N, C-alpha and C. Protein backbone atom coordinates (compact mmCIF):
# COMPACT_ATOMS: atom_id res chain seq x y z
N UNK A 1 -58.71 -36.04 -18.77
CA UNK A 1 -57.45 -35.60 -18.20
C UNK A 1 -56.82 -34.58 -19.13
N UNK A 2 -56.25 -33.54 -18.55
CA UNK A 2 -55.57 -32.51 -19.33
C UNK A 2 -54.10 -32.47 -18.98
N UNK A 3 -53.27 -32.11 -19.94
CA UNK A 3 -51.84 -31.94 -19.72
C UNK A 3 -51.64 -30.81 -18.72
N UNK A 4 -50.85 -31.05 -17.69
CA UNK A 4 -50.63 -30.02 -16.67
C UNK A 4 -49.70 -28.92 -17.17
N UNK A 5 -48.94 -29.18 -18.21
CA UNK A 5 -48.03 -28.16 -18.73
C UNK A 5 -48.68 -27.28 -19.79
N UNK A 6 -49.36 -27.92 -20.74
CA UNK A 6 -49.88 -27.18 -21.90
C UNK A 6 -51.41 -27.20 -21.98
N UNK A 7 -52.05 -27.88 -21.05
CA UNK A 7 -53.51 -27.96 -20.96
C UNK A 7 -54.16 -28.63 -22.17
N UNK A 8 -53.38 -29.41 -22.91
CA UNK A 8 -53.93 -30.16 -24.03
C UNK A 8 -54.67 -31.39 -23.53
N UNK A 9 -55.51 -31.94 -24.37
CA UNK A 9 -56.31 -33.09 -23.98
C UNK A 9 -55.98 -34.35 -24.79
N UNK A 10 -54.97 -34.31 -25.60
CA UNK A 10 -54.62 -35.46 -26.45
C UNK A 10 -53.75 -36.45 -25.70
N UNK A 11 -54.28 -36.95 -24.57
CA UNK A 11 -53.56 -37.89 -23.72
C UNK A 11 -54.14 -39.28 -23.95
N UNK A 12 -53.23 -40.25 -24.15
CA UNK A 12 -53.66 -41.60 -24.46
C UNK A 12 -52.80 -42.57 -23.66
N UNK A 13 -53.41 -43.64 -23.15
CA UNK A 13 -52.65 -44.68 -22.45
C UNK A 13 -51.81 -45.41 -23.50
N UNK A 14 -50.52 -45.46 -23.23
CA UNK A 14 -49.56 -45.99 -24.19
C UNK A 14 -48.55 -46.87 -23.47
N UNK A 15 -48.05 -47.88 -24.16
CA UNK A 15 -46.96 -48.68 -23.58
C UNK A 15 -45.65 -47.94 -23.81
N UNK A 16 -44.93 -47.72 -22.73
CA UNK A 16 -43.60 -47.11 -22.80
C UNK A 16 -42.62 -48.02 -22.08
N UNK A 17 -41.35 -47.80 -22.32
CA UNK A 17 -40.32 -48.59 -21.66
C UNK A 17 -39.46 -47.68 -20.79
N UNK A 18 -39.46 -47.96 -19.51
CA UNK A 18 -38.53 -47.31 -18.61
C UNK A 18 -37.22 -48.06 -18.70
N UNK A 19 -36.12 -47.38 -18.42
CA UNK A 19 -34.80 -47.98 -18.60
C UNK A 19 -33.93 -47.84 -17.36
N UNK A 20 -34.24 -48.59 -16.29
CA UNK A 20 -33.35 -48.53 -15.13
C UNK A 20 -32.00 -49.14 -15.47
N UNK A 21 -30.97 -48.60 -14.89
CA UNK A 21 -29.61 -49.10 -15.13
C UNK A 21 -29.17 -49.95 -13.95
N UNK A 22 -28.55 -51.07 -14.26
CA UNK A 22 -28.00 -51.97 -13.26
C UNK A 22 -26.56 -52.22 -13.64
N UNK A 23 -25.65 -51.61 -12.89
CA UNK A 23 -24.22 -51.62 -13.23
C UNK A 23 -24.05 -51.06 -14.63
N UNK A 24 -23.52 -51.84 -15.57
CA UNK A 24 -23.35 -51.37 -16.95
C UNK A 24 -24.49 -51.80 -17.86
N UNK A 25 -25.55 -52.33 -17.30
CA UNK A 25 -26.66 -52.85 -18.08
C UNK A 25 -27.87 -51.92 -18.03
N UNK A 26 -28.62 -51.90 -19.10
CA UNK A 26 -29.89 -51.19 -19.15
C UNK A 26 -30.97 -52.24 -19.31
N UNK A 27 -32.01 -52.13 -18.50
CA UNK A 27 -33.11 -53.09 -18.53
C UNK A 27 -34.36 -52.34 -18.98
N UNK A 28 -35.08 -52.90 -19.94
CA UNK A 28 -36.35 -52.32 -20.36
C UNK A 28 -37.46 -52.87 -19.48
N UNK A 29 -38.23 -51.99 -18.89
CA UNK A 29 -39.41 -52.36 -18.12
C UNK A 29 -40.61 -51.73 -18.81
N UNK A 30 -41.45 -52.55 -19.43
CA UNK A 30 -42.61 -52.04 -20.16
C UNK A 30 -43.75 -51.75 -19.18
N UNK A 31 -44.35 -50.56 -19.33
CA UNK A 31 -45.48 -50.16 -18.50
C UNK A 31 -46.51 -49.46 -19.39
N UNK A 32 -47.75 -49.45 -18.93
CA UNK A 32 -48.83 -48.75 -19.61
C UNK A 32 -49.16 -47.50 -18.79
N UNK A 33 -48.97 -46.32 -19.38
CA UNK A 33 -49.26 -45.07 -18.67
C UNK A 33 -49.86 -44.04 -19.63
N UNK A 34 -50.56 -43.04 -19.08
CA UNK A 34 -51.04 -41.95 -19.93
C UNK A 34 -49.87 -41.10 -20.43
N UNK A 35 -49.89 -40.80 -21.74
CA UNK A 35 -48.85 -40.00 -22.37
C UNK A 35 -49.53 -38.97 -23.27
N UNK A 36 -49.10 -37.73 -23.18
CA UNK A 36 -49.62 -36.72 -24.10
C UNK A 36 -48.93 -36.89 -25.43
N UNK A 37 -49.69 -37.08 -26.45
CA UNK A 37 -49.15 -37.40 -27.77
C UNK A 37 -48.33 -36.25 -28.36
N UNK A 38 -48.73 -35.01 -28.11
CA UNK A 38 -48.05 -33.87 -28.73
C UNK A 38 -46.65 -33.65 -28.18
N UNK A 39 -46.48 -33.79 -26.86
CA UNK A 39 -45.18 -33.46 -26.28
C UNK A 39 -44.48 -34.64 -25.61
N UNK A 40 -45.18 -35.77 -25.42
CA UNK A 40 -44.56 -36.94 -24.81
C UNK A 40 -44.56 -36.91 -23.29
N UNK A 41 -45.20 -35.93 -22.69
CA UNK A 41 -45.27 -35.86 -21.22
C UNK A 41 -45.93 -37.12 -20.69
N UNK A 42 -45.30 -37.75 -19.67
CA UNK A 42 -45.80 -38.99 -19.10
C UNK A 42 -46.40 -38.71 -17.73
N UNK A 43 -47.44 -39.47 -17.40
CA UNK A 43 -48.14 -39.30 -16.12
C UNK A 43 -48.12 -40.64 -15.37
N UNK A 44 -47.47 -40.64 -14.21
CA UNK A 44 -47.31 -41.84 -13.41
C UNK A 44 -48.21 -41.79 -12.19
N UNK A 45 -48.98 -42.86 -11.97
CA UNK A 45 -49.75 -42.94 -10.73
C UNK A 45 -48.91 -43.66 -9.67
N UNK A 46 -49.40 -43.68 -8.45
CA UNK A 46 -48.63 -44.28 -7.35
C UNK A 46 -48.36 -45.76 -7.59
N UNK A 47 -49.34 -46.47 -8.12
CA UNK A 47 -49.17 -47.91 -8.35
C UNK A 47 -48.03 -48.17 -9.34
N UNK A 48 -47.95 -47.37 -10.38
CA UNK A 48 -46.89 -47.54 -11.39
C UNK A 48 -45.53 -47.21 -10.80
N UNK A 49 -45.45 -46.13 -10.03
CA UNK A 49 -44.18 -45.76 -9.40
C UNK A 49 -43.74 -46.86 -8.44
N UNK A 50 -44.67 -47.39 -7.67
CA UNK A 50 -44.34 -48.48 -6.73
C UNK A 50 -43.85 -49.71 -7.50
N UNK A 51 -44.50 -50.04 -8.61
CA UNK A 51 -44.09 -51.16 -9.44
C UNK A 51 -42.66 -50.97 -9.94
N UNK A 52 -42.34 -49.76 -10.43
CA UNK A 52 -40.99 -49.48 -10.94
C UNK A 52 -39.96 -49.55 -9.82
N UNK A 53 -40.30 -49.05 -8.63
CA UNK A 53 -39.38 -49.13 -7.49
C UNK A 53 -39.11 -50.58 -7.10
N UNK A 54 -40.15 -51.40 -7.09
CA UNK A 54 -39.98 -52.82 -6.77
C UNK A 54 -39.15 -53.53 -7.83
N UNK A 55 -39.37 -53.19 -9.08
CA UNK A 55 -38.58 -53.80 -10.16
C UNK A 55 -37.11 -53.44 -10.02
N UNK A 56 -36.82 -52.18 -9.73
CA UNK A 56 -35.42 -51.76 -9.56
C UNK A 56 -34.78 -52.46 -8.37
N UNK A 57 -35.54 -52.64 -7.29
CA UNK A 57 -35.01 -53.35 -6.11
C UNK A 57 -34.66 -54.79 -6.47
N UNK A 58 -35.55 -55.47 -7.19
CA UNK A 58 -35.28 -56.86 -7.62
C UNK A 58 -34.06 -56.92 -8.53
N UNK A 59 -33.92 -55.93 -9.40
CA UNK A 59 -32.76 -55.90 -10.29
C UNK A 59 -31.47 -55.74 -9.50
N UNK A 60 -31.47 -54.85 -8.52
CA UNK A 60 -30.27 -54.64 -7.70
C UNK A 60 -29.90 -55.89 -6.91
N UNK A 61 -30.92 -56.62 -6.46
CA UNK A 61 -30.69 -57.82 -5.65
C UNK A 61 -30.43 -59.06 -6.51
N UNK A 62 -30.52 -58.94 -7.82
CA UNK A 62 -30.30 -60.08 -8.70
C UNK A 62 -31.44 -61.08 -8.69
N UNK A 63 -32.64 -60.64 -8.29
CA UNK A 63 -33.79 -61.55 -8.18
C UNK A 63 -34.77 -61.40 -9.35
N UNK A 64 -34.40 -60.69 -10.38
CA UNK A 64 -35.30 -60.46 -11.51
C UNK A 64 -35.08 -61.51 -12.58
N UNK A 65 -36.15 -61.89 -13.24
CA UNK A 65 -36.09 -62.82 -14.37
C UNK A 65 -35.89 -61.98 -15.63
N UNK A 66 -34.73 -62.08 -16.26
CA UNK A 66 -34.40 -61.25 -17.41
C UNK A 66 -34.20 -62.09 -18.66
N UNK A 67 -34.49 -61.50 -19.82
CA UNK A 67 -34.26 -62.14 -21.09
C UNK A 67 -33.39 -61.22 -21.93
N UNK A 68 -32.44 -61.79 -22.64
CA UNK A 68 -31.64 -61.02 -23.56
C UNK A 68 -32.45 -60.71 -24.82
N UNK A 69 -32.36 -59.47 -25.30
CA UNK A 69 -33.10 -59.10 -26.51
C UNK A 69 -32.20 -58.50 -27.57
N UNK A 70 -30.94 -58.42 -27.32
CA UNK A 70 -30.02 -57.84 -28.29
C UNK A 70 -28.68 -57.63 -27.66
N UNK A 71 -27.88 -56.80 -28.27
CA UNK A 71 -26.54 -56.51 -27.78
C UNK A 71 -26.34 -55.01 -27.67
N UNK A 72 -25.49 -54.64 -26.76
CA UNK A 72 -25.02 -53.27 -26.70
C UNK A 72 -23.53 -53.33 -27.02
N UNK A 73 -23.13 -52.59 -28.02
CA UNK A 73 -21.74 -52.61 -28.46
C UNK A 73 -21.13 -51.23 -28.27
N UNK A 74 -19.87 -51.21 -27.94
CA UNK A 74 -19.15 -49.95 -27.76
C UNK A 74 -18.08 -49.86 -28.84
N UNK A 75 -18.10 -48.80 -29.59
CA UNK A 75 -17.10 -48.56 -30.62
C UNK A 75 -15.92 -47.83 -29.98
N UNK A 76 -14.74 -48.34 -30.21
CA UNK A 76 -13.57 -47.65 -29.66
C UNK A 76 -12.48 -47.47 -30.71
């Protein structure tokens, strides 16, 4: 596989975290996708996009199993 922008070949399947927002919350959804190491360009197949859409739907409906992993603090 070659990068469609720069035609480089340094693409490796990597775990990345998508960050859909639900109200004031950010949820990390870990996925494995091809990423070009030089520029960070990500390549999503249909199955991955469908998975992310389903995850966002479950989050909106309150049907997702979530775990707390830290805090988000606002300085004022």
